[in-house]
Amino acid sequence: MSTAPLTSTGLAYRVQGDPDGFPVIALHGTPGSRFSGTPSRDALHALGLRVVTYDRPGYGDTPPVEDRSVRALAADLEQVLDAAGIEGPVGVLAGSSGTASALAFALAHPGRVGAIALVWPIAPRADEPGSPGMGEREWVVGMEEQQRAIHALALQNPVFMREQLEVHLGPEGGAAGIVTDMVQVQEPWDLDLAAVAGPVDIWWGTDSAVSPAGHAVWLSDHLTGAQVTEHRQEEHNWHVRRLVDVFALLGERLGATPRSAEELAAVAAMDVGGGGCGGPGAGGCACGSGGCGA
């Protein structure tokens, strides 16, 4: 039985970092959990950030739910923030398949969002010619063959895919969440991305075959005033050093004091050799953003 705090609908969440710091809610990618996709607790404290993470439905200690529209995903973030007692504007960070939820929340509750960071994001896929999103062929350009096959199988036979994933990952491995993500990102988002308010920073790996660069480029073209930062997936310890950069910049957008390169390097050093994805020492692996082979 989970000892994590839960929202009224059973979303398991976690709060770490500086209790008096600038608030951030971070959404893990595919796969992931409330323990992944952030620097260590000490690093977050050093950056002056109070970070809330949660198990999206079907992952960790949050039970799966029936498929919902992308717009409905905004309610999850609202519940988690309310449960954590955070009211004011927050920074919203999302990795890969968390992108849709983050943008849906920004549109539904613009007054609660101070800044957005998208790490190796996934863009919407157009379900028919003329609908908002990337074209079917454009959506898979640069995506490795295995990823293409997985996304196709999720649409064609999600029940079979979940069963196969449970064989390999076990009943607690997040199979339900993975399948839901794979289906959801390919369905119509019905979001007016041009209306997303606040600064948006997009971070993408130029050589990623999981979340191809084309997705980040498409989103940067459709999100007003988006700023793009490039890096290579093969960059040594990128998931540690770059995540510190991501969270530090998000903190600056919220009003935190900018950090020098030396200060950021010192913070990143706190995570080297940490617990990795879900480990006890750090949350420091960007699961779903390419850092965990997701």
C-alpha atoms as a PDB file:
ATOM      1  CA  MET A   1       0.000   0.000   0.000  1.00  0.00           C
ATOM      2  CA  SER A   2       1.327   3.421  -0.966  1.00  0.00           C
ATOM      3  CA  THR A   3       2.462   5.810   1.749  1.00  0.00           C
ATOM      4  CA  ALA A   4       2.532   8.711  -0.724  1.00  0.00           C
ATOM      5  CA  PRO A   5       0.090  11.583  -0.220  1.00  0.00           C
ATOM      6  CA  LEU A   6      -2.895  11.226  -2.538  1.00  0.00           C
ATOM      7  CA  THR A   7      -5.340  13.660  -4.094  1.00  0.00           C
ATOM      8  CA  SER A   8      -9.084  13.082  -3.769  1.00  0.00           C
ATOM      9  CA  THR A   9      -9.041  11.033  -6.986  1.00  0.00           C
ATOM     10  CA  GLY A  10      -6.020   8.949  -6.019  1.00  0.00           C
ATOM     11  CA  LEU A  11      -3.158  10.764  -7.744  1.00  0.00           C
ATOM     12  CA  ALA A  12       0.049   9.985  -5.834  1.00  0.00           C
ATOM     13  CA  TYR A  13       2.307  13.006  -5.549  1.00  0.00           C
ATOM     14  CA  ARG A  14       5.585  14.131  -4.019  1.00  0.00           C
ATOM     15  CA  VAL A  15       6.925  17.517  -2.834  1.00  0.00           C
ATOM     16  CA  GLN A  16      10.660  18.153  -2.577  1.00  0.00           C
ATOM     17  CA  GLY A  17      13.207  20.966  -2.577  1.00  0.00           C
ATOM     18  CA  ASP A  18      12.992  24.281  -0.724  1.00  0.00           C
ATOM     19  CA  PRO A  19       9.722  24.545   1.258  1.00  0.00           C
ATOM     20  CA  ASP A  20       9.799  28.308   0.715  1.00  0.00           C
ATOM     21  CA  GLY A  21      11.060  28.158  -2.855  1.00  0.00           C
ATOM     22  CA  PHE A  22       9.444  29.093  -6.144  1.00  0.00           C
ATOM     23  CA  PRO A  23       6.784  26.449  -6.921  1.00  0.00           C
ATOM     24  CA  VAL A  24       7.129  24.104  -9.896  1.00  0.00           C
ATOM     25  CA  ILE A  25       5.004  21.150 -10.959  1.00  0.00           C
ATOM     26  CA  ALA A  26       6.888  18.624 -13.091  1.00  0.00           C
ATOM     27  CA  LEU A  27       5.263  15.973 -15.280  1.00  0.00           C
ATOM     28  CA  HIS A  28       7.228  12.836 -16.088  1.00  0.00           C
ATOM     29  CA  GLY A  29       7.357  11.389 -19.572  1.00  0.00           C
ATOM     30  CA  THR A  30       6.820   7.866 -20.901  1.00  0.00           C
ATOM     31  CA  PRO A  31       7.586   5.886 -18.819  1.00  0.00           C
ATOM     32  CA  GLY A  32       8.263   7.565 -15.498  1.00  0.00           C
ATOM     33  CA  SER A  33       6.936   8.305 -12.038  1.00  0.00           C
ATOM     34  CA  ARG A  34       6.896  10.957  -9.337  1.00  0.00           C
ATOM     35  CA  PHE A  35      10.509   9.968  -8.632  1.00  0.00           C
ATOM     36  CA  SER A  36      11.826  10.713 -12.130  1.00  0.00           C
ATOM     37  CA  GLY A  37      12.545  13.720 -14.286  1.00  0.00           C
ATOM     38  CA  THR A  38      13.994  16.092 -11.664  1.00  0.00           C
ATOM     39  CA  PRO A  39      17.407  16.834 -10.163  1.00  0.00           C
ATOM     40  CA  SER A  40      18.040  15.659  -6.607  1.00  0.00           C
ATOM     41  CA  ARG A  41      16.301  17.103  -3.574  1.00  0.00           C
ATOM     42  CA  ASP A  42      19.501  18.888  -2.569  1.00  0.00           C
ATOM     43  CA  ALA A  43      19.928  20.352  -6.039  1.00  0.00           C
ATOM     44  CA  LEU A  44      16.362  21.645  -6.078  1.00  0.00           C
ATOM     45  CA  HIS A  45      16.859  23.171  -2.648  1.00  0.00           C
ATOM     46  CA  ALA A  46      20.038  24.867  -3.862  1.00  0.00           C
ATOM     47  CA  LEU A  47      18.105  26.308  -6.802  1.00  0.00           C
ATOM     48  CA  GLY A  48      15.449  27.683  -4.467  1.00  0.00           C
ATOM     49  CA  LEU A  49      12.636  25.595  -5.957  1.00  0.00           C
ATOM     50  CA  ARG A  50       9.740  23.732  -4.369  1.00  0.00           C
ATOM     51  CA  VAL A  51       8.922  20.979  -6.854  1.00  0.00           C
ATOM     52  CA  VAL A  52       5.793  18.842  -6.993  1.00  0.00           C
ATOM     53  CA  THR A  53       5.772  15.659  -9.051  1.00  0.00           C
ATOM     54  CA  TYR A  54       3.049  13.063  -9.399  1.00  0.00           C
ATOM     55  CA  ASP A  55       2.393   9.641 -10.868  1.00  0.00           C
ATOM     56  CA  ARG A  56       0.286  10.230 -13.926  1.00  0.00           C
ATOM     57  CA  PRO A  57      -2.623   7.735 -14.219  1.00  0.00           C
ATOM     58  CA  GLY A  58      -1.431   4.194 -14.830  1.00  0.00           C
ATOM     59  CA  TYR A  59       2.034   4.805 -13.369  1.00  0.00           C
ATOM     60  CA  GLY A  60       3.473   4.184  -9.905  1.00  0.00           C
ATOM     61  CA  ASP A  61       0.833   4.410  -7.189  1.00  0.00           C
ATOM     62  CA  THR A  62      -1.817   6.157  -9.297  1.00  0.00           C
ATOM     63  CA  PRO A  63      -4.423   3.791 -10.724  1.00  0.00           C
ATOM     64  CA  PRO A  64      -5.194   3.845 -14.452  1.00  0.00           C
ATOM     65  CA  VAL A  65      -8.250   5.669 -15.756  1.00  0.00           C
ATOM     66  CA  GLU A  66     -10.290   5.425 -18.905  1.00  0.00           C
ATOM     67  CA  ASP A  67      -9.027   7.369 -21.892  1.00  0.00           C
ATOM     68  CA  ARG A  68      -9.815  11.074 -21.548  1.00  0.00           C
ATOM     69  CA  SER A  69      -9.576  14.063 -23.830  1.00  0.00           C
ATOM     70  CA  VAL A  70      -6.395  16.127 -23.614  1.00  0.00           C
ATOM     71  CA  ARG A  71      -8.431  19.043 -22.239  1.00  0.00           C
ATOM     72  CA  ALA A  72      -9.534  16.865 -19.307  1.00  0.00           C
ATOM     73  CA  LEU A  73      -5.916  16.242 -18.295  1.00  0.00           C
ATOM     74  CA  ALA A  74      -5.677  19.776 -16.907  1.00  0.00           C
ATOM     75  CA  ALA A  75      -7.792  18.681 -13.940  1.00  0.00           C
ATOM     76  CA  ASP A  76      -5.008  16.375 -12.715  1.00  0.00           C
ATOM     77  CA  LEU A  77      -2.516  19.221 -12.329  1.00  0.00           C
ATOM     78  CA  GLU A  78      -5.141  21.376 -10.630  1.00  0.00           C
ATOM     79  CA  GLN A  79      -5.872  18.624  -8.101  1.00  0.00           C
ATOM     80  CA  VAL A  80      -2.217  17.994  -7.322  1.00  0.00           C
ATOM     81  CA  LEU A  81      -1.457  21.682  -6.791  1.00  0.00           C
ATOM     82  CA  ASP A  82      -4.537  22.087  -4.591  1.00  0.00           C
ATOM     83  CA  ALA A  83      -3.578  19.028  -2.532  1.00  0.00           C
ATOM     84  CA  ALA A  84      -0.044  20.384  -2.108  1.00  0.00           C
ATOM     85  CA  GLY A  85      -1.425  23.750  -0.979  1.00  0.00           C
ATOM     86  CA  ILE A  86       0.074  25.720  -3.871  1.00  0.00           C
ATOM     87  CA  GLU A  87      -2.090  28.567  -5.129  1.00  0.00           C
ATOM     88  CA  GLY A  88       0.040  31.165  -6.889  1.00  0.00           C
ATOM     89  CA  PRO A  89       1.588  31.040 -10.354  1.00  0.00           C
ATOM     90  CA  VAL A  90       3.835  28.015 -10.822  1.00  0.00           C
ATOM     91  CA  GLY A  91       6.395  26.832 -13.274  1.00  0.00           C
ATOM     92  CA  VAL A  92       5.159  23.871 -15.312  1.00  0.00           C
ATOM     93  CA  LEU A  93       7.688  21.388 -16.661  1.00  0.00           C
ATOM     94  CA  ALA A  94       6.805  18.457 -18.885  1.00  0.00           C
ATOM     95  CA  GLY A  95       8.828  15.677 -20.457  1.00  0.00           C
ATOM     96  CA  SER A  96       7.763  14.024 -23.734  1.00  0.00           C
ATOM     97  CA  SER A  97       4.190  12.720 -23.333  1.00  0.00           C
ATOM     98  CA  GLY A  98       3.517  15.048 -20.414  1.00  0.00           C
ATOM     99  CA  THR A  99       3.483  17.891 -22.960  1.00  0.00           C
ATOM    100  CA  ALA A 100      -0.240  17.706 -23.708  1.00  0.00           C
ATOM    101  CA  SER A 101      -1.243  17.816 -20.026  1.00  0.00           C
ATOM    102  CA  ALA A 102       1.013  20.810 -19.357  1.00  0.00           C
ATOM    103  CA  LEU A 103      -0.345  22.825 -22.275  1.00  0.00           C
ATOM    104  CA  ALA A 104      -3.946  21.889 -21.467  1.00  0.00           C
ATOM    105  CA  PHE A 105      -3.425  23.182 -17.923  1.00  0.00           C
ATOM    106  CA  ALA A 106      -1.834  26.408 -19.190  1.00  0.00           C
ATOM    107  CA  LEU A 107      -4.889  27.076 -21.344  1.00  0.00           C
ATOM    108  CA  ALA A 108      -7.460  26.095 -18.716  1.00  0.00           C
ATOM    109  CA  HIS A 109      -5.791  27.991 -15.857  1.00  0.00           C
ATOM    110  CA  PRO A 110      -3.566  30.745 -17.300  1.00  0.00           C
ATOM    111  CA  GLY A 111      -3.538  32.594 -13.968  1.00  0.00           C
ATOM    112  CA  ARG A 112      -1.845  29.645 -12.266  1.00  0.00           C
ATOM    113  CA  VAL A 113       1.010  29.347 -14.782  1.00  0.00           C
ATOM    114  CA  GLY A 114       4.044  31.622 -14.568  1.00  0.00           C
ATOM    115  CA  ALA A 115       6.307  29.816 -17.041  1.00  0.00           C
ATOM    116  CA  ILE A 116       6.511  26.565 -19.012  1.00  0.00           C
ATOM    117  CA  ALA A 117       9.428  24.277 -19.873  1.00  0.00           C
ATOM    118  CA  LEU A 118       9.021  21.407 -22.345  1.00  0.00           C
ATOM    119  CA  VAL A 119      11.814  18.818 -22.426  1.00  0.00           C
ATOM    120  CA  TRP A 120      12.003  16.719 -25.580  1.00  0.00           C
ATOM    121  CA  PRO A 121       8.304  17.321 -26.192  1.00  0.00           C
ATOM    122  CA  ILE A 122       5.775  15.400 -28.257  1.00  0.00           C
ATOM    123  CA  ALA A 123       3.638  17.425 -30.668  1.00  0.00           C
ATOM    124  CA  PRO A 124       0.006  16.701 -31.585  1.00  0.00           C
ATOM    125  CA  ARG A 125      -0.710  14.531 -34.586  1.00  0.00           C
ATOM    126  CA  ALA A 126      -3.333  15.640 -37.098  1.00  0.00           C
ATOM    127  CA  ASP A 127      -6.118  13.076 -37.341  1.00  0.00           C
ATOM    128  CA  GLU A 128      -7.254  14.360 -40.733  1.00  0.00           C
ATOM    129  CA  PRO A 129      -6.046  16.886 -43.332  1.00  0.00           C
ATOM    130  CA  GLY A 130      -6.494  20.446 -42.109  1.00  0.00           C
ATOM    131  CA  SER A 131      -6.789  19.617 -38.399  1.00  0.00           C
ATOM    132  CA  PRO A 132      -4.252  21.180 -36.006  1.00  0.00           C
ATOM    133  CA  GLY A 133      -1.182  19.017 -35.627  1.00  0.00           C
ATOM    134  CA  MET A 134       1.666  17.461 -37.531  1.00  0.00           C
ATOM    135  CA  GLY A 135       0.821  15.398 -40.580  1.00  0.00           C
ATOM    136  CA  GLU A 136       0.954  11.617 -40.212  1.00  0.00           C
ATOM    137  CA  ARG A 137       4.209  11.267 -42.152  1.00  0.00           C
ATOM    138  CA  GLU A 138       5.778  14.363 -40.625  1.00  0.00           C
ATOM    139  CA  TRP A 139       4.954  13.096 -37.124  1.00  0.00           C
ATOM    140  CA  VAL A 140       7.172   9.999 -37.479  1.00  0.00           C
ATOM    141  CA  VAL A 141      10.091  11.589 -39.368  1.00  0.00           C
ATOM    142  CA  GLY A 142      13.289  10.868 -37.442  1.00  0.00           C
ATOM    143  CA  MET A 143      11.537   8.373 -35.152  1.00  0.00           C
ATOM    144  CA  GLU A 144      13.220   5.007 -34.806  1.00  0.00           C
ATOM    145  CA  GLU A 145      11.395   2.042 -36.299  1.00  0.00           C
ATOM    146  CA  GLN A 146      10.594   0.471 -32.932  1.00  0.00           C
ATOM    147  CA  GLN A 147       8.938   3.670 -31.727  1.00  0.00           C
ATOM    148  CA  ARG A 148       6.857   3.872 -34.902  1.00  0.00           C
ATOM    149  CA  ALA A 149       5.702   0.287 -34.413  1.00  0.00           C
ATOM    150  CA  ILE A 150       4.815   0.862 -30.756  1.00  0.00           C
ATOM    151  CA  HIS A 151       2.734   3.947 -31.547  1.00  0.00           C
ATOM    152  CA  ALA A 152       0.949   2.104 -34.361  1.00  0.00           C
ATOM    153  CA  LEU A 153       0.207  -0.919 -32.147  1.00  0.00           C
ATOM    154  CA  ALA A 154      -1.187   1.326 -29.395  1.00  0.00           C
ATOM    155  CA  LEU A 155      -3.831   2.607 -31.794  1.00  0.00           C
ATOM    156  CA  GLN A 156      -4.562  -0.727 -33.454  1.00  0.00           C
ATOM    157  CA  ASN A 157      -4.698  -3.000 -30.403  1.00  0.00           C
ATOM    158  CA  PRO A 158      -4.142  -1.258 -27.047  1.00  0.00           C
ATOM    159  CA  VAL A 159      -5.346  -4.262 -25.019  1.00  0.00           C
ATOM    160  CA  PHE A 160      -2.797  -6.587 -26.633  1.00  0.00           C
ATOM    161  CA  MET A 161      -0.045  -4.002 -26.190  1.00  0.00           C
ATOM    162  CA  ARG A 162      -0.812  -3.605 -22.494  1.00  0.00           C
ATOM    163  CA  GLU A 163      -0.790  -7.380 -21.988  1.00  0.00           C
ATOM    164  CA  GLN A 164       2.581  -7.696 -23.700  1.00  0.00           C
ATOM    165  CA  LEU A 165       4.068  -4.840 -21.695  1.00  0.00           C
ATOM    166  CA  GLU A 166       2.851  -6.385 -18.439  1.00  0.00           C
ATOM    167  CA  VAL A 167       4.620  -9.624 -19.356  1.00  0.00           C
ATOM    168  CA  HIS A 168       7.923  -7.776 -19.656  1.00  0.00           C
ATOM    169  CA  LEU A 169       7.448  -5.026 -17.052  1.00  0.00           C
ATOM    170  CA  GLY A 170       5.303  -6.795 -14.484  1.00  0.00           C
ATOM    171  CA  PRO A 171       1.891  -5.708 -13.165  1.00  0.00           C
ATOM    172  CA  GLU A 172       3.356  -2.635 -11.442  1.00  0.00           C
ATOM    173  CA  GLY A 173       5.529  -1.537 -14.365  1.00  0.00           C
ATOM    174  CA  GLY A 174       3.258   1.210 -15.681  1.00  0.00           C
ATOM    175  CA  ALA A 175       1.973  -0.656 -18.740  1.00  0.00           C
ATOM    176  CA  ALA A 176      -1.448   0.998 -18.472  1.00  0.00           C
ATOM    177  CA  GLY A 177       0.119   4.443 -18.371  1.00  0.00           C
ATOM    178  CA  ILE A 178       2.389   3.750 -21.321  1.00  0.00           C
ATOM    179  CA  VAL A 179      -0.486   2.584 -23.515  1.00  0.00           C
ATOM    180  CA  THR A 180      -2.657   5.529 -22.495  1.00  0.00           C
ATOM    181  CA  ASP A 181       0.154   7.933 -23.363  1.00  0.00           C
ATOM    182  CA  MET A 182       0.803   6.314 -26.720  1.00  0.00           C
ATOM    183  CA  VAL A 183      -2.863   6.579 -27.677  1.00  0.00           C
ATOM    184  CA  GLN A 184      -3.492  10.025 -26.237  1.00  0.00           C
ATOM    185  CA  VAL A 185      -0.664  11.832 -28.019  1.00  0.00           C
ATOM    186  CA  GLN A 186      -1.987  10.582 -31.348  1.00  0.00           C
ATOM    187  CA  GLU A 187      -5.569  11.707 -30.758  1.00  0.00           C
ATOM    188  CA  PRO A 188      -6.830  15.281 -31.447  1.00  0.00           C
ATOM    189  CA  TRP A 189      -5.651  17.647 -28.729  1.00  0.00           C
ATOM    190  CA  ASP A 190      -8.245  20.338 -29.456  1.00  0.00           C
ATOM    191  CA  LEU A 191      -5.986  23.004 -27.949  1.00  0.00           C
ATOM    192  CA  ASP A 192      -5.380  26.509 -29.283  1.00  0.00           C
ATOM    193  CA  LEU A 193      -1.632  26.506 -28.755  1.00  0.00           C
ATOM    194  CA  ALA A 194      -1.235  30.084 -29.963  1.00  0.00           C
ATOM    195  CA  ALA A 195      -3.278  31.166 -26.928  1.00  0.00           C
ATOM    196  CA  VAL A 196      -0.858  29.655 -24.388  1.00  0.00           C
ATOM    197  CA  ALA A 197       0.300  32.554 -22.204  1.00  0.00           C
ATOM    198  CA  GLY A 198       3.599  33.052 -20.427  1.00  0.00           C
ATOM    199  CA  PRO A 199       7.156  32.243 -21.501  1.00  0.00           C
ATOM    200  CA  VAL A 200       7.706  28.791 -22.991  1.00  0.00           C
ATOM    201  CA  ASP A 201      11.159  27.212 -23.113  1.00  0.00           C
ATOM    202  CA  ILE A 202      11.616  24.161 -25.317  1.00  0.00           C
ATOM    203  CA  TRP A 203      14.592  21.869 -24.819  1.00  0.00           C
ATOM    204  CA  TRP A 204      15.280  19.217 -27.420  1.00  0.00           C
ATOM    205  CA  GLY A 205      17.918  16.698 -28.374  1.00  0.00           C
ATOM    206  CA  THR A 206      19.061  17.156 -31.940  1.00  0.00           C
ATOM    207  CA  ASP A 207      19.756  13.437 -32.297  1.00  0.00           C
ATOM    208  CA  SER A 208      16.783  11.943 -30.454  1.00  0.00           C
ATOM    209  CA  ALA A 209      14.927   9.163 -32.249  1.00  0.00           C
ATOM    210  CA  VAL A 210      12.324   8.903 -29.466  1.00  0.00           C
ATOM    211  CA  SER A 211      11.039  12.481 -29.398  1.00  0.00           C
ATOM    212  CA  PRO A 212      12.281  13.684 -32.801  1.00  0.00           C
ATOM    213  CA  ALA A 213      13.526  17.232 -33.252  1.00  0.00           C
ATOM    214  CA  GLY A 214      10.697  17.929 -35.679  1.00  0.00           C
ATOM    215  CA  HIS A 215       8.208  17.843 -32.810  1.00  0.00           C
ATOM    216  CA  ALA A 216      10.071  20.569 -30.930  1.00  0.00           C
ATOM    217  CA  VAL A 217      10.330  22.661 -34.081  1.00  0.00           C
ATOM    218  CA  TRP A 218       6.600  22.301 -34.773  1.00  0.00           C
ATOM    219  CA  LEU A 219       5.697  23.308 -31.229  1.00  0.00           C
ATOM    220  CA  SER A 220       8.064  26.283 -31.282  1.00  0.00           C
ATOM    221  CA  ASP A 221       6.329  27.486 -34.447  1.00  0.00           C
ATOM    222  CA  HIS A 222       2.878  27.234 -32.851  1.00  0.00           C
ATOM    223  CA  LEU A 223       3.580  28.465 -29.312  1.00  0.00           C
ATOM    224  CA  THR A 224       3.837  32.248 -29.191  1.00  0.00           C
ATOM    225  CA  GLY A 225       7.293  33.464 -28.211  1.00  0.00           C
ATOM    226  CA  ALA A 226       8.754  30.020 -27.533  1.00  0.00           C
ATOM    227  CA  GLN A 227      12.509  29.871 -26.901  1.00  0.00           C
ATOM    228  CA  VAL A 228      14.407  26.789 -28.062  1.00  0.00           C
ATOM    229  CA  THR A 229      17.587  25.305 -26.585  1.00  0.00           C
ATOM    230  CA  GLU A 230      19.338  22.492 -28.427  1.00  0.00           C
ATOM    231  CA  HIS A 231      21.668  19.812 -27.092  1.00  0.00           C
ATOM    232  CA  ARG A 232      22.775  16.350 -28.072  1.00  0.00           C
ATOM    233  CA  GLN A 233      21.460  13.197 -26.449  1.00  0.00           C
ATOM    234  CA  GLU A 234      24.973  11.754 -26.362  1.00  0.00           C
ATOM    235  CA  GLU A 235      26.276  14.713 -24.377  1.00  0.00           C
ATOM    236  CA  HIS A 236      27.944  13.326 -21.234  1.00  0.00           C
ATOM    237  CA  ASN A 237      25.595  13.357 -18.233  1.00  0.00           C
ATOM    238  CA  TRP A 238      23.105  15.520 -20.136  1.00  0.00           C
ATOM    239  CA  HIS A 239      20.213  14.195 -18.040  1.00  0.00           C
ATOM    240  CA  VAL A 240      21.914  15.560 -14.922  1.00  0.00           C
ATOM    241  CA  ARG A 241      23.572  18.770 -16.096  1.00  0.00           C
ATOM    242  CA  ARG A 242      20.889  19.828 -18.536  1.00  0.00           C
ATOM    243  CA  LEU A 243      18.062  19.143 -16.107  1.00  0.00           C
ATOM    244  CA  VAL A 244      19.732  21.507 -13.663  1.00  0.00           C
ATOM    245  CA  ASP A 245      19.878  24.088 -16.458  1.00  0.00           C
ATOM    246  CA  VAL A 246      16.203  23.486 -17.258  1.00  0.00           C
ATOM    247  CA  PHE A 247      15.033  23.914 -13.678  1.00  0.00           C
ATOM    248  CA  ALA A 248      17.342  26.881 -13.081  1.00  0.00           C
ATOM    249  CA  LEU A 249      15.960  28.734 -16.109  1.00  0.00           C
ATOM    250  CA  LEU A 250      12.402  27.893 -15.095  1.00  0.00           C
ATOM    251  CA  GLY A 251      13.172  29.355 -11.673  1.00  0.00           C
ATOM    252  CA  GLU A 252      14.502  32.531 -13.310  1.00  0.00           C
ATOM    253  CA  ARG A 253      11.281  32.861 -15.282  1.00  0.00           C
ATOM    254  CA  LEU A 254       9.448  32.785 -11.944  1.00  0.00           C
ATOM    255  CA  GLY A 255      11.682  35.415 -10.360  1.00  0.00           C
ATOM    256  CA  ALA A 256      14.592  33.460  -8.889  1.00  0.00           C
ATOM    257  CA  THR A 257      18.057  35.029  -9.009  1.00  0.00           C
ATOM    258  CA  PRO A 258      19.983  33.970 -12.154  1.00  0.00           C
ATOM    259  CA  ARG A 259      22.868  31.586 -11.473  1.00  0.00           C
ATOM    260  CA  SER A 260      26.351  31.768 -12.928  1.00  0.00           C
ATOM    261  CA  ALA A 261      27.820  28.902 -14.934  1.00  0.00           C
ATOM    262  CA  GLU A 262      30.023  28.032 -11.947  1.00  0.00           C
ATOM    263  CA  GLU A 263      27.040  27.933  -9.591  1.00  0.00           C
ATOM    264  CA  LEU A 264      25.079  25.699 -11.976  1.00  0.00           C
ATOM    265  CA  ALA A 265      28.044  23.363 -12.330  1.00  0.00           C
ATOM    266  CA  ALA A 266      28.230  23.080  -8.547  1.00  0.00           C
ATOM    267  CA  VAL A 267      24.527  22.245  -8.330  1.00  0.00           C
ATOM    268  CA  ALA A 268      24.843  19.663 -11.127  1.00  0.00           C
ATOM    269  CA  ALA A 269      27.737  18.050  -9.248  1.00  0.00           C
ATOM    270  CA  MET A 270      25.285  17.202  -6.462  1.00  0.00           C
ATOM    271  CA  ASP A 271      23.529  14.802  -8.830  1.00  0.00           C
ATOM    272  CA  VAL A 272      26.492  12.984 -10.371  1.00  0.00           C
ATOM    273  CA  GLY A 273      26.425   9.427  -9.087  1.00  0.00           C
ATOM    274  CA  GLY A 274      22.969   9.916  -7.615  1.00  0.00           C
ATOM    275  CA  GLY A 275      20.141   7.447  -7.469  1.00  0.00           C
ATOM    276  CA  GLY A 276      19.066   7.946 -11.069  1.00  0.00           C
ATOM    277  CA  CYS A 277      15.551   7.156 -12.191  1.00  0.00           C
ATOM    278  CA  GLY A 278      13.478   6.582  -9.124  1.00  0.00           C
ATOM    279  CA  GLY A 279      16.533   6.096  -6.948  1.00  0.00           C
ATOM    280  CA  PRO A 280      16.726   7.321  -3.377  1.00  0.00           C
ATOM    281  CA  GLY A 281      19.489   9.848  -3.922  1.00  0.00           C
ATOM    282  CA  ALA A 282      18.014  11.796  -6.803  1.00  0.00           C
ATOM    283  CA  GLY A 283      15.159  11.970  -9.184  1.00  0.00           C
ATOM    284  CA  GLY A 284      17.807  12.792 -11.695  1.00  0.00           C
ATOM    285  CA  CYS A 285      16.936  10.894 -14.834  1.00  0.00           C
ATOM    286  CA  ALA A 286      14.642  12.371 -17.442  1.00  0.00           C
ATOM    287  CA  CYS A 287      12.564   9.281 -18.044  1.00  0.00           C
ATOM    288  CA  GLY A 288      10.543   9.673 -21.173  1.00  0.00           C
ATOM    289  CA  SER A 289      12.834  12.360 -22.496  1.00  0.00           C
ATOM    290  CA  GLY A 290      15.407   9.978 -23.828  1.00  0.00           C
ATOM    291  CA  GLY A 291      17.464   9.592 -20.691  1.00  0.00           C
ATOM    292  CA  CYS A 292      16.156   6.188 -19.691  1.00  0.00           C
ATOM    293  CA  GLY A 293      15.810   4.549 -23.050  1.00  0.00           C
ATOM    294  CA  ALA A 294      12.094   5.303 -22.956  1.00  0.00           C
END
